[in-house]
Amino acid sequence: MFGIFLALILLIFGIFLKVTKDPGFAASKRFSWLFIVIGILTLAGKLIIMYQKGQL
């Protein structure tokens, strides 16, 4: 469950970086797609592993 939580945090942070207008995050804004993709892949992978183990 901790892995799912971390994947969701990465996904939410990536979306936050994508939509924020705060100038403090301007340098990190280009990494938003990276966080979004890593969050989606990690979440999907964790759910697939849990399903195969019968925990889901």
N, C-alpha and C. Protein backbone atom coordinates (compact mmCIF):
# COMPACT_ATOMS: atom_id res chain seq x y z
N MET A 1 0.81 -1.20 0.00
CA MET A 1 0.00 0.00 0.00
C MET A 1 0.86 1.26 0.00
N PHE A 2 2.04 1.15 0.60
CA PHE A 2 2.92 2.31 0.64
C PHE A 2 3.38 2.69 -0.77
N GLY A 3 3.62 1.69 -1.62
CA GLY A 3 4.02 1.95 -3.00
C GLY A 3 2.94 2.66 -3.79
N ILE A 4 1.70 2.29 -3.54
CA ILE A 4 0.57 2.95 -4.21
C ILE A 4 0.48 4.40 -3.76
N PHE A 5 0.67 4.63 -2.47
CA PHE A 5 0.63 5.98 -1.93
C PHE A 5 1.73 6.85 -2.56
N LEU A 6 2.95 6.32 -2.65
CA LEU A 6 4.05 7.07 -3.25
C LEU A 6 3.81 7.36 -4.73
N ALA A 7 3.25 6.39 -5.45
CA ALA A 7 2.95 6.60 -6.86
C ALA A 7 1.90 7.70 -7.04
N LEU A 8 0.91 7.71 -6.17
CA LEU A 8 -0.11 8.76 -6.24
C LEU A 8 0.48 10.13 -5.92
N ILE A 9 1.39 10.17 -4.95
CA ILE A 9 2.05 11.44 -4.61
C ILE A 9 2.86 11.95 -5.80
N LEU A 10 3.61 11.08 -6.47
CA LEU A 10 4.37 11.49 -7.66
C LEU A 10 3.45 12.00 -8.76
N LEU A 11 2.34 11.30 -8.97
CA LEU A 11 1.38 11.71 -9.99
C LEU A 11 0.77 13.07 -9.66
N ILE A 12 0.36 13.25 -8.42
CA ILE A 12 -0.25 14.52 -8.01
C ILE A 12 0.77 15.65 -8.09
N PHE A 13 2.01 15.39 -7.69
CA PHE A 13 3.04 16.43 -7.77
C PHE A 13 3.33 16.81 -9.22
N GLY A 14 3.34 15.84 -10.12
CA GLY A 14 3.54 16.13 -11.54
C GLY A 14 2.42 16.99 -12.11
N ILE A 15 1.20 16.67 -11.74
CA ILE A 15 0.06 17.47 -12.19
C ILE A 15 0.13 18.88 -11.60
N PHE A 16 0.52 18.96 -10.32
CA PHE A 16 0.69 20.26 -9.68
C PHE A 16 1.73 21.11 -10.42
N LEU A 17 2.87 20.51 -10.76
CA LEU A 17 3.89 21.25 -11.49
C LEU A 17 3.38 21.71 -12.85
N LYS A 18 2.56 20.89 -13.48
CA LYS A 18 2.04 21.23 -14.81
C LYS A 18 1.12 22.44 -14.77
N VAL A 19 0.30 22.55 -13.74
CA VAL A 19 -0.73 23.60 -13.72
C VAL A 19 -0.36 24.83 -12.88
N THR A 20 0.71 24.76 -12.11
CA THR A 20 1.04 25.89 -11.23
C THR A 20 1.58 27.09 -12.02
N LYS A 21 1.31 28.24 -11.51
CA LYS A 21 1.81 29.49 -12.10
C LYS A 21 2.84 30.15 -11.19
N ASP A 22 3.20 29.48 -10.10
CA ASP A 22 4.15 30.02 -9.14
C ASP A 22 5.53 30.13 -9.77
N PRO A 23 6.16 31.31 -9.71
CA PRO A 23 7.48 31.46 -10.34
C PRO A 23 8.57 30.65 -9.62
N GLY A 24 8.35 30.23 -8.40
CA GLY A 24 9.33 29.43 -7.69
C GLY A 24 9.50 28.05 -8.28
N PHE A 25 8.46 27.54 -8.95
CA PHE A 25 8.52 26.23 -9.57
C PHE A 25 8.84 26.31 -11.06
N ALA A 26 9.17 27.48 -11.57
CA ALA A 26 9.41 27.64 -13.00
C ALA A 26 10.58 26.78 -13.50
N ALA A 27 11.61 26.64 -12.70
CA ALA A 27 12.77 25.85 -13.13
C ALA A 27 12.44 24.35 -13.16
N SER A 28 11.51 23.91 -12.33
CA SER A 28 11.16 22.49 -12.25
C SER A 28 9.96 22.13 -13.13
N LYS A 29 9.38 23.10 -13.77
CA LYS A 29 8.17 22.87 -14.55
C LYS A 29 8.39 21.89 -15.70
N ARG A 30 9.60 21.84 -16.25
CA ARG A 30 9.85 20.94 -17.38
C ARG A 30 9.88 19.47 -16.94
N PHE A 31 9.99 19.21 -15.65
CA PHE A 31 10.01 17.84 -15.15
C PHE A 31 8.60 17.31 -14.84
N SER A 32 7.58 18.09 -15.11
CA SER A 32 6.22 17.68 -14.76
C SER A 32 5.81 16.40 -15.50
N TRP A 33 6.14 16.30 -16.77
CA TRP A 33 5.78 15.09 -17.52
C TRP A 33 6.51 13.86 -16.99
N LEU A 34 7.74 14.05 -16.55
CA LEU A 34 8.51 12.96 -15.98
C LEU A 34 7.83 12.41 -14.73
N PHE A 35 7.41 13.29 -13.83
CA PHE A 35 6.72 12.86 -12.62
C PHE A 35 5.38 12.20 -12.94
N ILE A 36 4.66 12.74 -13.92
CA ILE A 36 3.37 12.17 -14.29
C ILE A 36 3.54 10.76 -14.85
N VAL A 37 4.50 10.58 -15.76
CA VAL A 37 4.73 9.27 -16.37
C VAL A 37 5.23 8.26 -15.33
N ILE A 38 6.18 8.67 -14.49
CA ILE A 38 6.68 7.76 -13.46
C ILE A 38 5.56 7.38 -12.49
N GLY A 39 4.72 8.32 -12.13
CA GLY A 39 3.61 8.03 -11.23
C GLY A 39 2.63 7.04 -11.83
N ILE A 40 2.29 7.23 -13.11
CA ILE A 40 1.34 6.32 -13.77
C ILE A 40 1.94 4.92 -13.92
N LEU A 41 3.19 4.85 -14.38
CA LEU A 41 3.83 3.54 -14.56
C LEU A 41 4.00 2.80 -13.24
N THR A 42 4.40 3.50 -12.20
CA THR A 42 4.57 2.87 -10.90
C THR A 42 3.24 2.40 -10.34
N LEU A 43 2.22 3.22 -10.46
CA LEU A 43 0.90 2.84 -9.97
C LEU A 43 0.36 1.63 -10.72
N ALA A 44 0.48 1.64 -12.04
CA ALA A 44 0.01 0.51 -12.84
C ALA A 44 0.81 -0.75 -12.52
N GLY A 45 2.11 -0.64 -12.41
CA GLY A 45 2.94 -1.79 -12.09
C GLY A 45 2.62 -2.36 -10.72
N LYS A 46 2.45 -1.51 -9.74
CA LYS A 46 2.13 -1.97 -8.39
C LYS A 46 0.77 -2.67 -8.37
N LEU A 47 -0.21 -2.13 -9.08
CA LEU A 47 -1.54 -2.77 -9.12
C LEU A 47 -1.48 -4.11 -9.84
N ILE A 48 -0.70 -4.22 -10.89
CA ILE A 48 -0.56 -5.49 -11.61
C ILE A 48 0.10 -6.53 -10.72
N ILE A 49 1.16 -6.14 -10.02
CA ILE A 49 1.85 -7.07 -9.12
C ILE A 49 0.92 -7.53 -8.00
N MET A 50 0.16 -6.60 -7.43
CA MET A 50 -0.77 -6.98 -6.36
C MET A 50 -1.86 -7.89 -6.87
N TYR A 51 -2.32 -7.67 -8.10
CA TYR A 51 -3.35 -8.53 -8.67
C TYR A 51 -2.81 -9.94 -8.91
N GLN A 52 -1.57 -10.04 -9.40
CA GLN A 52 -0.98 -11.35 -9.66
C GLN A 52 -0.71 -12.13 -8.37
N LYS A 53 -0.42 -11.43 -7.29
CA LYS A 53 -0.19 -12.10 -6.01
C LYS A 53 -1.50 -12.44 -5.31
N GLY A 54 -2.61 -11.92 -5.80
CA GLY A 54 -3.91 -12.19 -5.20
C GLY A 54 -4.22 -11.28 -4.02
N GLN A 55 -3.52 -10.18 -3.90
CA GLN A 55 -3.74 -9.24 -2.80
C GLN A 55 -4.79 -8.19 -3.16
N LEU A 56 -5.19 -8.16 -4.38
CA LEU A 56 -6.13 -7.12 -4.82
C LEU A 56 -7.48 -7.71 -5.05
